[in-house]
Amino acid sequence: MQFNEAEQRELAQFLEAENAKARIQQTVHAMTDSCWDKCIFKINNSMDRSDESCLSNCVERFLDSSLFVVKRLEDLRSAGI
């Protein structure tokens, strides 16, 4: 089966979007594992406030770090490095 140029561009865009979704899911999974291991030491029927606070702080730090790295890479790319 042969695709014309417009179909090839559309397919490439679709694949790029699907890859981006997969990377986001992978990042969320890694963050969940990391924060769970750092914050949850015993499993009960509900989480206590310290568990919730730890998870919230862990997620916020992870997001802050990720945003910092993305911004830094964008800055380097803009500077042509």
Protein backbone atom coordinates (compact mmCIF):
# COMPACT_ATOMS: atom_id res chain seq x y z
CA MET A 1 0.00 0.00 0.00
CA GLN A 2 1.38 3.38 -1.01
CA PHE A 3 0.62 6.65 0.80
CA ASN A 4 0.67 10.02 -0.86
CA GLU A 5 2.66 12.88 0.69
CA ALA A 6 -0.30 14.29 2.66
CA GLU A 7 -1.13 10.85 4.07
CA GLN A 8 2.50 10.29 5.03
CA ARG A 9 2.56 13.62 6.93
CA GLU A 10 -0.71 12.76 8.66
CA LEU A 11 0.61 9.32 9.64
CA ALA A 12 3.87 10.83 10.92
CA GLN A 13 1.94 13.36 13.03
CA PHE A 14 -0.29 10.61 14.41
CA LEU A 15 2.71 8.46 15.32
CA GLU A 16 4.44 11.41 16.96
CA ALA A 17 1.34 12.14 19.06
CA GLU A 18 1.04 8.48 20.08
CA ASN A 19 4.72 8.39 21.07
CA ALA A 20 4.23 11.54 23.15
CA LYS A 21 1.27 9.92 24.92
CA ALA A 22 3.34 6.81 25.64
CA ARG A 23 6.19 8.93 27.09
CA ILE A 24 3.74 10.76 29.34
CA GLN A 25 2.25 7.48 30.56
CA GLN A 26 5.75 6.12 31.20
CA THR A 27 6.67 9.24 33.17
CA VAL A 28 3.50 9.07 35.27
CA HIS A 29 4.15 5.39 35.97
CA ALA A 30 7.73 6.10 37.05
CA MET A 31 6.59 8.99 39.24
CA THR A 32 3.90 6.83 40.85
CA ASP A 33 6.38 4.05 41.62
CA SER A 34 8.97 6.43 42.99
CA CYS A 35 6.59 8.40 45.20
CA TRP A 36 4.84 5.25 46.43
CA ASP A 37 8.17 3.71 47.47
CA LYS A 38 9.23 6.91 49.26
CA CYS A 39 5.96 7.61 51.05
CA ILE A 40 3.96 4.45 51.75
CA PHE A 41 5.38 2.15 54.39
CA LYS A 42 2.27 0.28 55.44
CA ILE A 43 -0.96 -0.46 53.61
CA ASN A 44 -4.21 0.21 55.42
CA ASN A 45 -7.80 0.74 54.33
CA SER A 46 -7.09 4.45 54.01
CA MET A 47 -4.14 6.80 53.84
CA ASP A 48 -3.31 8.98 56.78
CA ARG A 49 -2.44 12.65 56.47
CA SER A 50 1.30 12.10 56.53
CA ASP A 51 1.04 9.67 53.59
CA GLU A 52 -1.10 12.13 51.63
CA SER A 53 1.26 15.00 52.41
CA CYS A 54 4.32 12.99 51.41
CA LEU A 55 2.73 11.88 48.13
CA SER A 56 1.63 15.42 47.33
CA ASN A 57 5.09 16.85 48.03
CA CYS A 58 6.77 14.08 46.07
CA VAL A 59 4.59 14.68 43.02
CA GLU A 60 5.13 18.45 43.22
CA ARG A 61 8.92 18.01 43.41
CA PHE A 62 8.86 15.57 40.51
CA LEU A 63 6.82 17.98 38.36
CA ASP A 64 9.00 20.95 39.33
CA SER A 65 12.13 18.99 38.41
CA SER A 66 10.64 17.85 35.11
CA LEU A 67 9.61 21.39 34.19
CA PHE A 68 13.08 22.69 35.10
CA VAL A 69 14.76 20.12 32.86
CA VAL A 70 12.41 20.84 29.94
CA LYS A 71 12.95 24.59 30.31
CA ARG A 72 16.72 24.14 30.49
CA LEU A 73 16.74 21.97 27.35
CA GLU A 74 14.59 24.54 25.52
CA ASP A 75 17.00 27.30 26.57
CA LEU A 76 19.99 25.29 25.33
CA ARG A 77 18.25 24.56 22.04
CA SER A 78 17.36 28.24 21.58
CA ALA A 79 20.97 29.20 22.26
CA GLY A 80 22.12 26.72 19.62
CA ILE A 81 24.12 24.58 22.02
